[in-house]
Amino acid sequence: MNTTPSKTTDADTTAATDEVTDDAPASAPAKDALAKDTTGTPSEAAAADADSATAPDDLAEQTGEDGDGDEDLESDPFVAARHGVGAGAAAVVSAALGVVALTGAWTGRVAAERETLIGQIKTSGGGSPAQQISEIYGDAWHATALVNGVFAVLALLVGVFVLVRPAFGTPSEKPQPTWVRAVALAGVALGVLGVLISAGMYFDLFAALPSAGAPAAG
C-alpha cells in the first residue's frame, strides 16, 4: 500500500504565523512590567542611600552648631568675668583686713576707751601713779593692739585660703586669675606685718609704758 506524504498548504502556514504573532503582544506587557519593576528598584535604593548620606551631614551640622555654642559660651566676657568671683572677693577682703590691721578700726578705739573708763573707775578712790598709768593708759594701749592683731590674723588666714584653694576640691579647667593671686598675696603680707606690729605693741616691745618716777623730796 503506497502512502502519499502529506503536504502543508500555504493556508496552514499562514494560520500558524498568525497564531505566533497573536501570542507575542500578550507577553510584551509582562516584559514591560518586569522592566519597570527592575528600573524602579534601583531608583528607590538610590533615594534611600541619598537620605542616609544626608543624615550624618545633618548630625554633623547640629554637632557643629552645638560646639560653636559652647565656644561662644566660653568666650562670653560675662562668663569669663564670673569665673573666680568668689576668690577675687576673698582676696580683696584679705587686703582690706590687712590695711585695717595697720591703720586701726573704730572697734579698737571703742575697746581702748572702754579700758580707759574702767581704769578711771578703779583709780577714782586713789591709787599710785604707776597703777593709774597701767589701768588708764596701758590697758587701753593693749586693747587697741589686741583688736588690730585680730584683724591681722583674719587677713592672713583669708589670704592663705585664697592662695591654696586651687589645690583642693575639684580642679578647674581655667587657672586662677593673676590679679586674684596678687591681691591675696598682698593681703597675706599685710596680715603678717599687722601681726608683728600688734604683738610688739601688746608686749611693749616698741615702746614701754611711761614710768611714774621717784617722788619729789619735801
N, C-alpha and C. Protein backbone atom coordinates (compact mmCIF):
# COMPACT_ATOMS: atom_id res chain seq x y z
N MET A 1 0.87 -1.18 0.00
CA MET A 1 0.00 0.00 0.00
C MET A 1 0.89 1.20 0.00
N ASN A 2 0.75 2.04 -0.92
CA ASN A 2 1.58 3.24 -1.02
C ASN A 2 0.96 4.36 -0.23
N THR A 3 1.88 5.07 0.57
CA THR A 3 1.39 6.23 1.34
C THR A 3 1.87 7.48 0.67
N THR A 4 1.04 8.41 0.62
CA THR A 4 1.39 9.70 -0.03
C THR A 4 1.76 10.70 1.04
N PRO A 5 3.00 11.28 1.03
CA PRO A 5 3.40 12.25 2.08
C PRO A 5 2.48 13.45 2.06
N SER A 6 2.21 13.86 3.35
CA SER A 6 1.29 15.00 3.49
C SER A 6 1.99 16.28 3.15
N LYS A 7 1.34 17.10 2.54
CA LYS A 7 1.88 18.40 2.14
C LYS A 7 1.16 19.51 2.86
N THR A 8 1.97 20.42 3.41
CA THR A 8 1.37 21.58 4.09
C THR A 8 1.03 22.63 3.08
N THR A 9 -0.07 23.11 3.20
CA THR A 9 -0.56 24.11 2.25
C THR A 9 -0.17 25.48 2.72
N ASP A 10 -0.25 26.45 1.92
CA ASP A 10 0.05 27.85 2.27
C ASP A 10 -0.91 28.38 3.30
N ALA A 11 -2.12 27.84 3.28
CA ALA A 11 -3.12 28.31 4.24
C ALA A 11 -2.74 27.91 5.63
N ASP A 12 -2.23 26.64 5.79
CA ASP A 12 -1.82 26.21 7.12
C ASP A 12 -0.65 27.02 7.64
N THR A 13 0.31 27.32 6.79
CA THR A 13 1.48 28.11 7.20
C THR A 13 1.08 29.50 7.63
N THR A 14 0.18 30.08 6.91
CA THR A 14 -0.29 31.44 7.25
C THR A 14 -1.00 31.45 8.58
N ALA A 15 -1.79 30.42 8.86
CA ALA A 15 -2.52 30.35 10.14
C ALA A 15 -1.58 30.21 11.30
N ALA A 16 -0.52 29.41 11.15
CA ALA A 16 0.45 29.22 12.25
C ALA A 16 1.19 30.51 12.53
N THR A 17 1.55 31.23 11.50
CA THR A 17 2.25 32.51 11.67
C THR A 17 1.38 33.51 12.40
N ASP A 18 0.09 33.52 12.06
CA ASP A 18 -0.82 34.44 12.74
C ASP A 18 -0.94 34.11 14.22
N GLU A 19 -0.92 32.80 14.57
CA GLU A 19 -1.02 32.42 15.98
C GLU A 19 0.20 32.90 16.78
N VAL A 20 1.39 32.75 16.17
CA VAL A 20 2.62 33.24 16.85
C VAL A 20 2.57 34.74 17.03
N THR A 21 2.11 35.44 16.01
CA THR A 21 2.02 36.91 16.08
C THR A 21 1.04 37.35 17.14
N ASP A 22 -0.08 36.59 17.25
CA ASP A 22 -1.08 36.94 18.27
C ASP A 22 -0.54 36.70 19.67
N ASP A 23 0.29 35.66 19.85
CA ASP A 23 0.84 35.38 21.19
C ASP A 23 1.91 36.38 21.60
N ALA A 24 2.62 37.01 20.70
CA ALA A 24 3.72 37.94 21.03
C ALA A 24 3.25 39.15 21.78
N PRO A 25 2.20 39.85 21.40
CA PRO A 25 1.77 41.03 22.17
C PRO A 25 1.36 40.68 23.58
N ALA A 26 0.86 39.46 23.78
CA ALA A 26 0.42 39.07 25.12
C ALA A 26 1.59 39.05 26.08
N SER A 27 2.79 38.64 25.65
CA SER A 27 3.96 38.56 26.53
C SER A 27 4.68 39.90 26.65
N ALA A 28 4.43 40.84 25.76
CA ALA A 28 5.09 42.14 25.80
C ALA A 28 4.76 42.93 27.05
N PRO A 29 3.48 43.01 27.49
CA PRO A 29 3.19 43.78 28.73
C PRO A 29 3.91 43.21 29.93
N ALA A 30 4.05 41.89 29.98
CA ALA A 30 4.75 41.29 31.12
C ALA A 30 6.20 41.73 31.14
N LYS A 31 6.83 41.76 29.93
CA LYS A 31 8.21 42.21 29.87
C LYS A 31 8.33 43.67 30.27
N ASP A 32 7.36 44.50 29.84
CA ASP A 32 7.40 45.92 30.21
C ASP A 32 7.25 46.11 31.71
N ALA A 33 6.34 45.31 32.29
CA ALA A 33 6.15 45.41 33.74
C ALA A 33 7.40 45.02 34.49
N LEU A 34 8.04 43.94 34.03
CA LEU A 34 9.28 43.50 34.66
C LEU A 34 10.36 44.56 34.52
N ALA A 35 10.42 45.17 33.35
CA ALA A 35 11.42 46.22 33.13
C ALA A 35 11.16 47.41 34.04
N LYS A 36 9.87 47.75 34.23
CA LYS A 36 9.54 48.88 35.12
C LYS A 36 9.93 48.56 36.55
N ASP A 37 9.62 47.34 36.97
CA ASP A 37 9.96 46.96 38.34
C ASP A 37 11.47 46.97 38.54
N THR A 38 12.19 46.46 37.53
CA THR A 38 13.65 46.37 37.64
C THR A 38 14.28 47.75 37.67
N THR A 39 13.77 48.66 36.84
CA THR A 39 14.33 50.02 36.80
C THR A 39 13.88 50.84 37.98
N GLY A 40 12.70 50.54 38.54
CA GLY A 40 12.20 51.33 39.67
C GLY A 40 12.93 51.01 40.95
N THR A 41 13.35 49.79 41.14
CA THR A 41 14.00 49.39 42.39
C THR A 41 15.31 50.11 42.62
N PRO A 42 16.24 50.21 41.65
CA PRO A 42 17.48 50.97 41.87
C PRO A 42 17.24 52.43 42.19
N SER A 43 16.18 53.02 41.60
CA SER A 43 15.90 54.42 41.88
C SER A 43 15.54 54.62 43.34
N GLU A 44 14.68 53.72 43.87
CA GLU A 44 14.31 53.83 45.28
C GLU A 44 15.52 53.59 46.17
N ALA A 45 16.36 52.63 45.79
CA ALA A 45 17.57 52.36 46.59
C ALA A 45 18.50 53.56 46.58
N ALA A 46 18.61 54.21 45.41
CA ALA A 46 19.47 55.39 45.33
C ALA A 46 18.93 56.52 46.20
N ALA A 47 17.60 56.66 46.22
CA ALA A 47 17.00 57.70 47.07
C ALA A 47 17.25 57.41 48.52
N ALA A 48 17.12 56.14 48.92
CA ALA A 48 17.39 55.77 50.32
C ALA A 48 18.83 56.02 50.69
N ASP A 49 19.76 55.69 49.76
CA ASP A 49 21.17 55.95 50.02
C ASP A 49 21.44 57.44 50.17
N ALA A 50 20.75 58.24 49.35
CA ALA A 50 20.94 59.69 49.45
C ALA A 50 20.45 60.21 50.80
N ASP A 51 19.29 59.68 51.29
CA ASP A 51 18.78 60.10 52.59
C ASP A 51 19.73 59.71 53.71
N SER A 52 20.26 58.47 53.63
CA SER A 52 21.19 58.03 54.67
C SER A 52 22.49 58.81 54.62
N ALA A 53 22.87 59.28 53.42
CA ALA A 53 24.11 60.06 53.31
C ALA A 53 23.93 61.45 53.89
N THR A 54 22.73 62.02 53.73
CA THR A 54 22.49 63.37 54.25
C THR A 54 22.26 63.37 55.75
N ALA A 55 21.85 62.22 56.33
CA ALA A 55 21.60 62.17 57.78
C ALA A 55 22.85 62.46 58.58
N PRO A 56 24.02 61.81 58.28
CA PRO A 56 25.23 62.17 59.04
C PRO A 56 25.64 63.62 58.87
N ASP A 57 25.37 64.18 57.64
CA ASP A 57 25.70 65.59 57.44
C ASP A 57 24.88 66.47 58.36
N ASP A 58 23.56 66.14 58.47
CA ASP A 58 22.71 66.92 59.37
C ASP A 58 23.18 66.79 60.80
N LEU A 59 23.57 65.56 61.20
CA LEU A 59 24.06 65.35 62.56
C LEU A 59 25.35 66.12 62.80
N ALA A 60 26.21 66.13 61.77
CA ALA A 60 27.47 66.87 61.91
C ALA A 60 27.20 68.36 62.03
N GLU A 61 26.20 68.86 61.24
CA GLU A 61 25.88 70.28 61.33
C GLU A 61 25.34 70.62 62.71
N GLN A 62 24.45 69.75 63.27
CA GLN A 62 23.93 70.00 64.60
C GLN A 62 25.03 69.98 65.63
N THR A 63 25.94 68.99 65.50
CA THR A 63 27.05 68.91 66.44
C THR A 63 27.94 70.12 66.33
N GLY A 64 28.17 70.57 65.10
CA GLY A 64 28.99 71.76 64.91
C GLY A 64 28.35 72.98 65.50
N GLU A 65 27.01 73.09 65.35
CA GLU A 65 26.31 74.22 65.95
C GLU A 65 26.42 74.18 67.45
N ASP A 66 26.27 72.97 68.05
CA ASP A 66 26.40 72.85 69.50
C ASP A 66 27.82 73.21 69.93
N GLY A 67 28.82 72.77 69.20
CA GLY A 67 30.20 73.10 69.54
C GLY A 67 30.45 74.60 69.47
N ASP A 68 29.89 75.23 68.42
CA ASP A 68 30.05 76.67 68.31
C ASP A 68 29.39 77.37 69.47
N GLY A 69 28.24 76.82 69.93
CA GLY A 69 27.57 77.41 71.08
C GLY A 69 28.41 77.33 72.33
N ASP A 70 29.09 76.16 72.52
CA ASP A 70 29.95 76.03 73.69
C ASP A 70 31.12 77.00 73.62
N GLU A 71 31.71 77.12 72.39
CA GLU A 71 32.82 78.05 72.25
C GLU A 71 32.37 79.47 72.51
N ASP A 72 31.17 79.83 72.01
CA ASP A 72 30.66 81.17 72.26
C ASP A 72 30.43 81.38 73.74
N LEU A 73 29.95 80.31 74.45
CA LEU A 73 29.71 80.44 75.88
C LEU A 73 31.00 80.66 76.64
N GLU A 74 32.07 79.92 76.19
CA GLU A 74 33.35 80.09 76.88
C GLU A 74 33.97 81.44 76.59
N SER A 75 33.74 81.95 75.36
CA SER A 75 34.33 83.24 75.00
C SER A 75 33.47 84.41 75.44
N ASP A 76 32.33 84.14 76.07
CA ASP A 76 31.46 85.20 76.53
C ASP A 76 32.18 85.98 77.64
N PRO A 77 32.29 87.31 77.52
CA PRO A 77 33.01 88.06 78.56
C PRO A 77 32.33 88.00 79.91
N PHE A 78 30.99 87.86 79.92
CA PHE A 78 30.29 87.78 81.20
C PHE A 78 30.62 86.48 81.91
N VAL A 79 30.74 85.37 81.15
CA VAL A 79 31.12 84.10 81.76
C VAL A 79 32.54 84.18 82.29
N ALA A 80 33.44 84.79 81.52
CA ALA A 80 34.82 84.95 81.97
C ALA A 80 34.91 85.83 83.20
N ALA A 81 34.03 86.85 83.27
CA ALA A 81 34.05 87.72 84.44
C ALA A 81 33.54 87.02 85.68
N ARG A 82 32.56 86.10 85.49
CA ARG A 82 32.03 85.38 86.64
C ARG A 82 33.00 84.33 87.16
N HIS A 83 33.97 83.95 86.32
CA HIS A 83 34.92 82.93 86.74
C HIS A 83 35.85 83.49 87.81
N GLY A 84 35.90 82.87 88.98
CA GLY A 84 36.78 83.30 90.05
C GLY A 84 36.30 84.50 90.81
N VAL A 85 34.98 84.78 90.78
CA VAL A 85 34.46 85.94 91.51
C VAL A 85 34.63 85.75 93.00
N GLY A 86 34.34 84.54 93.49
CA GLY A 86 34.47 84.29 94.93
C GLY A 86 35.90 84.44 95.41
N ALA A 87 36.85 83.89 94.65
CA ALA A 87 38.25 84.00 95.03
C ALA A 87 38.71 85.46 94.97
N GLY A 88 38.26 86.20 93.96
CA GLY A 88 38.64 87.61 93.87
C GLY A 88 38.11 88.42 95.02
N ALA A 89 36.83 88.17 95.39
CA ALA A 89 36.25 88.90 96.52
C ALA A 89 36.99 88.58 97.82
N ALA A 90 37.34 87.31 98.02
CA ALA A 90 38.07 86.94 99.23
C ALA A 90 39.45 87.59 99.26
N ALA A 91 40.11 87.68 98.10
CA ALA A 91 41.42 88.33 98.06
C ALA A 91 41.31 89.80 98.42
N VAL A 92 40.29 90.48 97.93
CA VAL A 92 40.10 91.89 98.25
C VAL A 92 39.81 92.06 99.74
N VAL A 93 39.00 91.17 100.30
CA VAL A 93 38.71 91.23 101.73
C VAL A 93 39.97 91.04 102.55
N SER A 94 40.84 90.12 102.13
CA SER A 94 42.09 89.89 102.84
C SER A 94 42.95 91.15 102.85
N ALA A 95 43.08 91.79 101.68
CA ALA A 95 43.88 93.01 101.62
C ALA A 95 43.27 94.13 102.46
N ALA A 96 41.95 94.25 102.45
CA ALA A 96 41.28 95.28 103.25
C ALA A 96 41.48 95.04 104.74
N LEU A 97 41.38 93.78 105.16
CA LEU A 97 41.62 93.47 106.58
C LEU A 97 43.06 93.79 106.98
N GLY A 98 43.99 93.53 106.08
CA GLY A 98 45.38 93.87 106.38
C GLY A 98 45.59 95.37 106.56
N VAL A 99 44.92 96.17 105.72
CA VAL A 99 45.03 97.63 105.85
C VAL A 99 44.42 98.09 107.17
N VAL A 100 43.28 97.52 107.53
CA VAL A 100 42.63 97.89 108.80
C VAL A 100 43.51 97.51 109.98
N ALA A 101 44.18 96.36 109.90
CA ALA A 101 45.06 95.95 111.00
C ALA A 101 46.21 96.92 111.21
N LEU A 102 46.68 97.58 110.14
CA LEU A 102 47.79 98.52 110.28
C LEU A 102 47.33 99.92 110.67
N THR A 103 46.18 100.35 110.18
CA THR A 103 45.70 101.70 110.43
C THR A 103 44.78 101.79 111.65
N GLY A 104 44.19 100.68 112.06
CA GLY A 104 43.27 100.70 113.19
C GLY A 104 41.83 100.86 112.74
N ALA A 105 40.91 100.39 113.55
CA ALA A 105 39.48 100.46 113.25
C ALA A 105 38.75 101.09 114.43
N TRP A 106 37.48 101.43 114.19
CA TRP A 106 36.71 102.06 115.26
C TRP A 106 36.48 101.08 116.42
N THR A 107 36.50 99.79 116.13
CA THR A 107 36.36 98.82 117.21
C THR A 107 37.54 98.89 118.18
N GLY A 108 38.73 99.13 117.65
CA GLY A 108 39.89 99.29 118.51
C GLY A 108 39.78 100.53 119.38
N ARG A 109 39.28 101.61 118.83
CA ARG A 109 39.12 102.84 119.60
C ARG A 109 38.07 102.65 120.70
N VAL A 110 36.98 101.96 120.35
CA VAL A 110 35.95 101.71 121.36
C VAL A 110 36.50 100.87 122.51
N ALA A 111 37.28 99.83 122.16
CA ALA A 111 37.86 98.99 123.20
C ALA A 111 38.84 99.78 124.06
N ALA A 112 39.61 100.67 123.44
CA ALA A 112 40.56 101.48 124.20
C ALA A 112 39.83 102.44 125.14
N GLU A 113 38.78 103.08 124.66
CA GLU A 113 38.01 103.99 125.51
C GLU A 113 37.35 103.25 126.67
N ARG A 114 36.93 102.04 126.42
CA ARG A 114 36.31 101.25 127.50
C ARG A 114 37.34 100.94 128.58
N GLU A 115 38.54 100.53 128.17
CA GLU A 115 39.57 100.24 129.16
C GLU A 115 39.98 101.49 129.92
N THR A 116 39.99 102.63 129.25
CA THR A 116 40.31 103.89 129.93
C THR A 116 39.26 104.22 130.99
N LEU A 117 38.00 104.04 130.64
CA LEU A 117 36.93 104.30 131.60
C LEU A 117 37.01 103.37 132.81
N ILE A 118 37.28 102.10 132.54
CA ILE A 118 37.40 101.14 133.65
C ILE A 118 38.58 101.52 134.56
N GLY A 119 39.68 101.94 133.95
CA GLY A 119 40.84 102.36 134.75
C GLY A 119 40.54 103.57 135.60
N GLN A 120 39.80 104.51 135.06
CA GLN A 120 39.44 105.69 135.84
C GLN A 120 38.54 105.32 137.02
N ILE A 121 37.64 104.39 136.79
CA ILE A 121 36.77 103.97 137.89
C ILE A 121 37.58 103.27 138.98
N LYS A 122 38.53 102.43 138.58
CA LYS A 122 39.32 101.70 139.56
C LYS A 122 40.23 102.62 140.38
N THR A 123 40.71 103.67 139.76
CA THR A 123 41.66 104.56 140.45
C THR A 123 40.99 105.82 141.00
N SER A 124 39.67 105.89 140.91
CA SER A 124 38.99 107.08 141.40
C SER A 124 39.11 107.22 142.92
N GLY A 125 39.18 106.08 143.61
CA GLY A 125 39.29 106.13 145.07
C GLY A 125 40.71 106.31 145.54
N GLY A 126 41.61 106.46 144.64
CA GLY A 126 43.01 106.62 144.99
C GLY A 126 43.83 105.48 144.44
N GLY A 127 45.06 105.75 144.22
CA GLY A 127 45.98 104.75 143.70
C GLY A 127 47.31 105.36 143.39
N SER A 128 48.30 104.55 143.27
CA SER A 128 49.63 105.04 142.98
C SER A 128 49.71 105.52 141.54
N PRO A 129 50.66 106.38 141.21
CA PRO A 129 50.82 106.83 139.82
C PRO A 129 51.07 105.67 138.84
N ALA A 130 51.85 104.67 139.27
CA ALA A 130 52.12 103.54 138.38
C ALA A 130 50.84 102.76 138.09
N GLN A 131 49.99 102.64 139.11
CA GLN A 131 48.72 101.92 138.89
C GLN A 131 47.82 102.71 137.96
N GLN A 132 47.79 104.01 138.15
CA GLN A 132 46.95 104.85 137.27
C GLN A 132 47.43 104.77 135.82
N ILE A 133 48.74 104.77 135.61
CA ILE A 133 49.27 104.66 134.25
C ILE A 133 48.91 103.31 133.64
N SER A 134 49.04 102.27 134.42
CA SER A 134 48.75 100.94 133.91
C SER A 134 47.27 100.74 133.62
N GLU A 135 46.42 101.22 134.53
CA GLU A 135 44.98 101.00 134.38
C GLU A 135 44.36 101.90 133.32
N ILE A 136 44.82 103.15 133.27
CA ILE A 136 44.17 104.10 132.36
C ILE A 136 44.81 104.10 130.98
N TYR A 137 46.12 104.05 130.93
CA TYR A 137 46.82 104.17 129.66
C TYR A 137 47.27 102.83 129.10
N GLY A 138 47.90 101.98 129.93
CA GLY A 138 48.46 100.73 129.44
C GLY A 138 47.40 99.76 128.95
N ASP A 139 46.30 99.61 129.70
CA ASP A 139 45.25 98.67 129.28
C ASP A 139 44.58 99.11 127.98
N ALA A 140 44.40 100.42 127.81
CA ALA A 140 43.81 100.92 126.56
C ALA A 140 44.74 100.64 125.38
N TRP A 141 46.03 100.82 125.59
CA TRP A 141 47.02 100.55 124.55
C TRP A 141 46.99 99.07 124.15
N HIS A 142 46.96 98.21 125.14
CA HIS A 142 46.95 96.78 124.87
C HIS A 142 45.65 96.34 124.19
N ALA A 143 44.53 96.95 124.57
CA ALA A 143 43.26 96.60 123.92
C ALA A 143 43.28 96.96 122.44
N THR A 144 43.85 98.13 122.11
CA THR A 144 43.95 98.52 120.70
C THR A 144 44.84 97.55 119.93
N ALA A 145 45.96 97.16 120.51
CA ALA A 145 46.87 96.23 119.86
C ALA A 145 46.20 94.87 119.66
N LEU A 146 45.40 94.44 120.63
CA LEU A 146 44.73 93.14 120.52
C LEU A 146 43.70 93.14 119.39
N VAL A 147 42.92 94.20 119.28
CA VAL A 147 41.91 94.28 118.22
C VAL A 147 42.59 94.32 116.85
N ASN A 148 43.65 95.11 116.72
CA ASN A 148 44.37 95.18 115.44
C ASN A 148 45.00 93.82 115.10
N GLY A 149 45.47 93.11 116.12
CA GLY A 149 46.04 91.79 115.88
C GLY A 149 45.01 90.80 115.37
N VAL A 150 43.76 90.90 115.86
CA VAL A 150 42.70 90.02 115.37
C VAL A 150 42.43 90.28 113.89
N PHE A 151 42.38 91.55 113.49
CA PHE A 151 42.18 91.88 112.07
C PHE A 151 43.35 91.35 111.23
N ALA A 152 44.56 91.44 111.77
CA ALA A 152 45.72 90.97 111.03
C ALA A 152 45.68 89.46 110.84
N VAL A 153 45.28 88.73 111.87
CA VAL A 153 45.18 87.27 111.75
C VAL A 153 44.12 86.88 110.73
N LEU A 154 42.98 87.59 110.74
CA LEU A 154 41.93 87.30 109.76
C LEU A 154 42.42 87.55 108.33
N ALA A 155 43.14 88.65 108.14
CA ALA A 155 43.67 88.94 106.81
C ALA A 155 44.64 87.85 106.37
N LEU A 156 45.47 87.38 107.29
CA LEU A 156 46.43 86.33 106.96
C LEU A 156 45.72 85.02 106.59
N LEU A 157 44.71 84.65 107.35
CA LEU A 157 44.01 83.39 107.09
C LEU A 157 43.24 83.43 105.77
N VAL A 158 42.56 84.52 105.51
CA VAL A 158 41.79 84.63 104.27
C VAL A 158 42.71 84.63 103.06
N GLY A 159 43.81 85.35 103.14
CA GLY A 159 44.75 85.38 102.02
C GLY A 159 45.36 84.02 101.74
N VAL A 160 45.74 83.30 102.79
CA VAL A 160 46.31 81.96 102.60
C VAL A 160 45.26 81.02 102.01
N PHE A 161 44.02 81.15 102.45
CA PHE A 161 42.95 80.30 101.90
C PHE A 161 42.78 80.52 100.40
N VAL A 162 42.82 81.77 99.97
CA VAL A 162 42.66 82.07 98.54
C VAL A 162 43.82 81.47 97.74
N LEU A 163 45.03 81.52 98.27
CA LEU A 163 46.19 81.03 97.55
C LEU A 163 46.22 79.51 97.44
N VAL A 164 45.77 78.81 98.48
CA VAL A 164 45.85 77.35 98.48
C VAL A 164 44.55 76.70 98.02
N ARG A 165 43.50 77.46 97.79
CA ARG A 165 42.22 76.88 97.41
C ARG A 165 42.28 76.08 96.11
N PRO A 166 42.99 76.50 95.05
CA PRO A 166 43.01 75.68 93.82
C PRO A 166 43.61 74.30 94.00
N ALA A 167 44.38 74.08 95.04
CA ALA A 167 44.99 72.76 95.24
C ALA A 167 44.03 71.76 95.85
N PHE A 168 42.87 72.20 96.29
CA PHE A 168 41.90 71.32 96.93
C PHE A 168 40.59 71.36 96.15
N GLY A 169 39.77 70.33 96.33
CA GLY A 169 38.49 70.25 95.66
C GLY A 169 38.63 69.84 94.21
N THR A 170 37.58 70.14 93.43
CA THR A 170 37.56 69.77 92.01
C THR A 170 38.47 70.68 91.22
N PRO A 171 39.43 70.14 90.46
CA PRO A 171 40.32 71.00 89.68
C PRO A 171 39.54 71.78 88.63
N SER A 172 39.91 73.02 88.43
CA SER A 172 39.27 73.88 87.45
C SER A 172 40.05 73.85 86.15
N GLU A 173 39.30 73.95 85.00
CA GLU A 173 39.95 73.96 83.70
C GLU A 173 40.75 75.25 83.48
N LYS A 174 40.32 76.34 84.10
CA LYS A 174 41.00 77.61 83.93
C LYS A 174 41.82 77.91 85.18
N PRO A 175 43.03 78.41 85.03
CA PRO A 175 43.84 78.75 86.21
C PRO A 175 43.27 79.96 86.92
N GLN A 176 43.69 80.12 88.16
CA GLN A 176 43.25 81.27 88.95
C GLN A 176 43.80 82.55 88.33
N PRO A 177 42.98 83.59 88.18
CA PRO A 177 43.49 84.83 87.56
C PRO A 177 44.68 85.39 88.33
N THR A 178 45.56 86.04 87.60
CA THR A 178 46.79 86.56 88.20
C THR A 178 46.48 87.64 89.22
N TRP A 179 45.51 88.50 88.92
CA TRP A 179 45.23 89.60 89.85
C TRP A 179 44.69 89.09 91.17
N VAL A 180 43.99 87.95 91.15
CA VAL A 180 43.49 87.38 92.39
C VAL A 180 44.65 86.91 93.27
N ARG A 181 45.61 86.23 92.67
CA ARG A 181 46.76 85.78 93.44
C ARG A 181 47.58 86.96 93.96
N ALA A 182 47.69 88.01 93.15
CA ALA A 182 48.47 89.17 93.58
C ALA A 182 47.81 89.87 94.77
N VAL A 183 46.50 90.07 94.70
CA VAL A 183 45.80 90.74 95.81
C VAL A 183 45.82 89.87 97.06
N ALA A 184 45.64 88.55 96.90
CA ALA A 184 45.69 87.66 98.05
C ALA A 184 47.07 87.66 98.70
N LEU A 185 48.10 87.69 97.86
CA LEU A 185 49.46 87.75 98.40
C LEU A 185 49.70 89.06 99.15
N ALA A 186 49.15 90.15 98.64
CA ALA A 186 49.26 91.43 99.35
C ALA A 186 48.55 91.36 100.70
N GLY A 187 47.38 90.70 100.73
CA GLY A 187 46.67 90.55 102.00
C GLY A 187 47.46 89.73 103.00
N VAL A 188 48.12 88.68 102.52
CA VAL A 188 48.96 87.87 103.41
C VAL A 188 50.12 88.70 103.96
N ALA A 189 50.77 89.47 103.11
CA ALA A 189 51.89 90.29 103.56
C ALA A 189 51.44 91.33 104.59
N LEU A 190 50.31 91.99 104.33
CA LEU A 190 49.79 92.96 105.29
C LEU A 190 49.38 92.29 106.60
N GLY A 191 48.83 91.07 106.49
CA GLY A 191 48.44 90.36 107.70
C GLY A 191 49.64 90.00 108.57
N VAL A 192 50.70 89.52 107.92
CA VAL A 192 51.91 89.18 108.69
C VAL A 192 52.49 90.42 109.35
N LEU A 193 52.55 91.52 108.60
CA LEU A 193 53.07 92.77 109.16
C LEU A 193 52.20 93.26 110.31
N GLY A 194 50.88 93.14 110.15
CA GLY A 194 49.98 93.57 111.22
C GLY A 194 50.13 92.73 112.48
N VAL A 195 50.32 91.43 112.31
CA VAL A 195 50.52 90.56 113.48
C VAL A 195 51.79 90.94 114.23
N LEU A 196 52.87 91.21 113.51
CA LEU A 196 54.13 91.58 114.15
C LEU A 196 54.01 92.90 114.92
N ILE A 197 53.39 93.90 114.29
CA ILE A 197 53.25 95.20 114.94
C ILE A 197 52.33 95.09 116.15
N SER A 198 51.23 94.37 116.01
CA SER A 198 50.29 94.23 117.14
C SER A 198 50.94 93.50 118.31
N ALA A 199 51.72 92.46 118.01
CA ALA A 199 52.41 91.74 119.08
C ALA A 199 53.43 92.63 119.78
N GLY A 200 54.14 93.44 118.99
CA GLY A 200 55.11 94.35 119.61
C GLY A 200 54.44 95.38 120.50
N MET A 201 53.28 95.89 120.08
CA MET A 201 52.56 96.86 120.90
C MET A 201 51.99 96.21 122.16
N TYR A 202 51.48 95.00 122.02
CA TYR A 202 50.84 94.35 123.18
C TYR A 202 51.86 94.01 124.26
N PHE A 203 53.05 93.57 123.85
CA PHE A 203 54.08 93.20 124.82
C PHE A 203 55.07 94.34 125.08
N ASP A 204 54.74 95.54 124.66
CA ASP A 204 55.55 96.73 124.92
C ASP A 204 56.98 96.58 124.40
N LEU A 205 57.11 96.00 123.22
CA LEU A 205 58.44 95.80 122.64
C LEU A 205 58.94 97.06 121.93
N PHE A 206 58.05 97.83 121.35
CA PHE A 206 58.47 99.02 120.62
C PHE A 206 58.60 100.24 121.54
N ALA A 207 57.76 100.31 122.52
CA ALA A 207 57.80 101.45 123.46
C ALA A 207 57.21 100.96 124.79
N ALA A 208 57.94 101.23 125.86
CA ALA A 208 57.48 100.83 127.18
C ALA A 208 56.53 101.88 127.75
N LEU A 209 55.75 101.46 128.75
CA LEU A 209 54.84 102.39 129.40
C LEU A 209 55.64 103.44 130.17
N PRO A 210 55.09 104.64 130.23
CA PRO A 210 55.79 105.70 130.99
C PRO A 210 55.90 105.29 132.48
N SER A 211 56.99 105.65 133.08
CA SER A 211 57.18 105.37 134.49
C SER A 211 56.73 106.55 135.34
N ALA A 212 56.31 106.27 136.55
CA ALA A 212 55.80 107.32 137.43
C ALA A 212 56.93 108.21 137.94
N GLY A 213 58.15 107.69 138.06
CA GLY A 213 59.29 108.47 138.55
C GLY A 213 59.28 108.52 140.07
N ALA A 214 60.41 108.92 140.61
CA ALA A 214 60.55 109.00 142.07
C ALA A 214 59.84 110.25 142.60
N PRO A 215 59.18 110.14 143.72
CA PRO A 215 58.50 111.30 144.29
C PRO A 215 59.50 112.39 144.69
N ALA A 216 59.08 113.60 144.54
CA ALA A 216 59.96 114.73 144.87
C ALA A 216 60.19 114.81 146.39
N ALA A 217 61.42 115.14 146.77
CA ALA A 217 61.73 115.23 148.20
C ALA A 217 61.15 116.51 148.77
N GLY A 218 60.59 116.44 150.04
CA GLY A 218 59.97 117.59 150.65
C GLY A 218 60.93 118.44 151.41
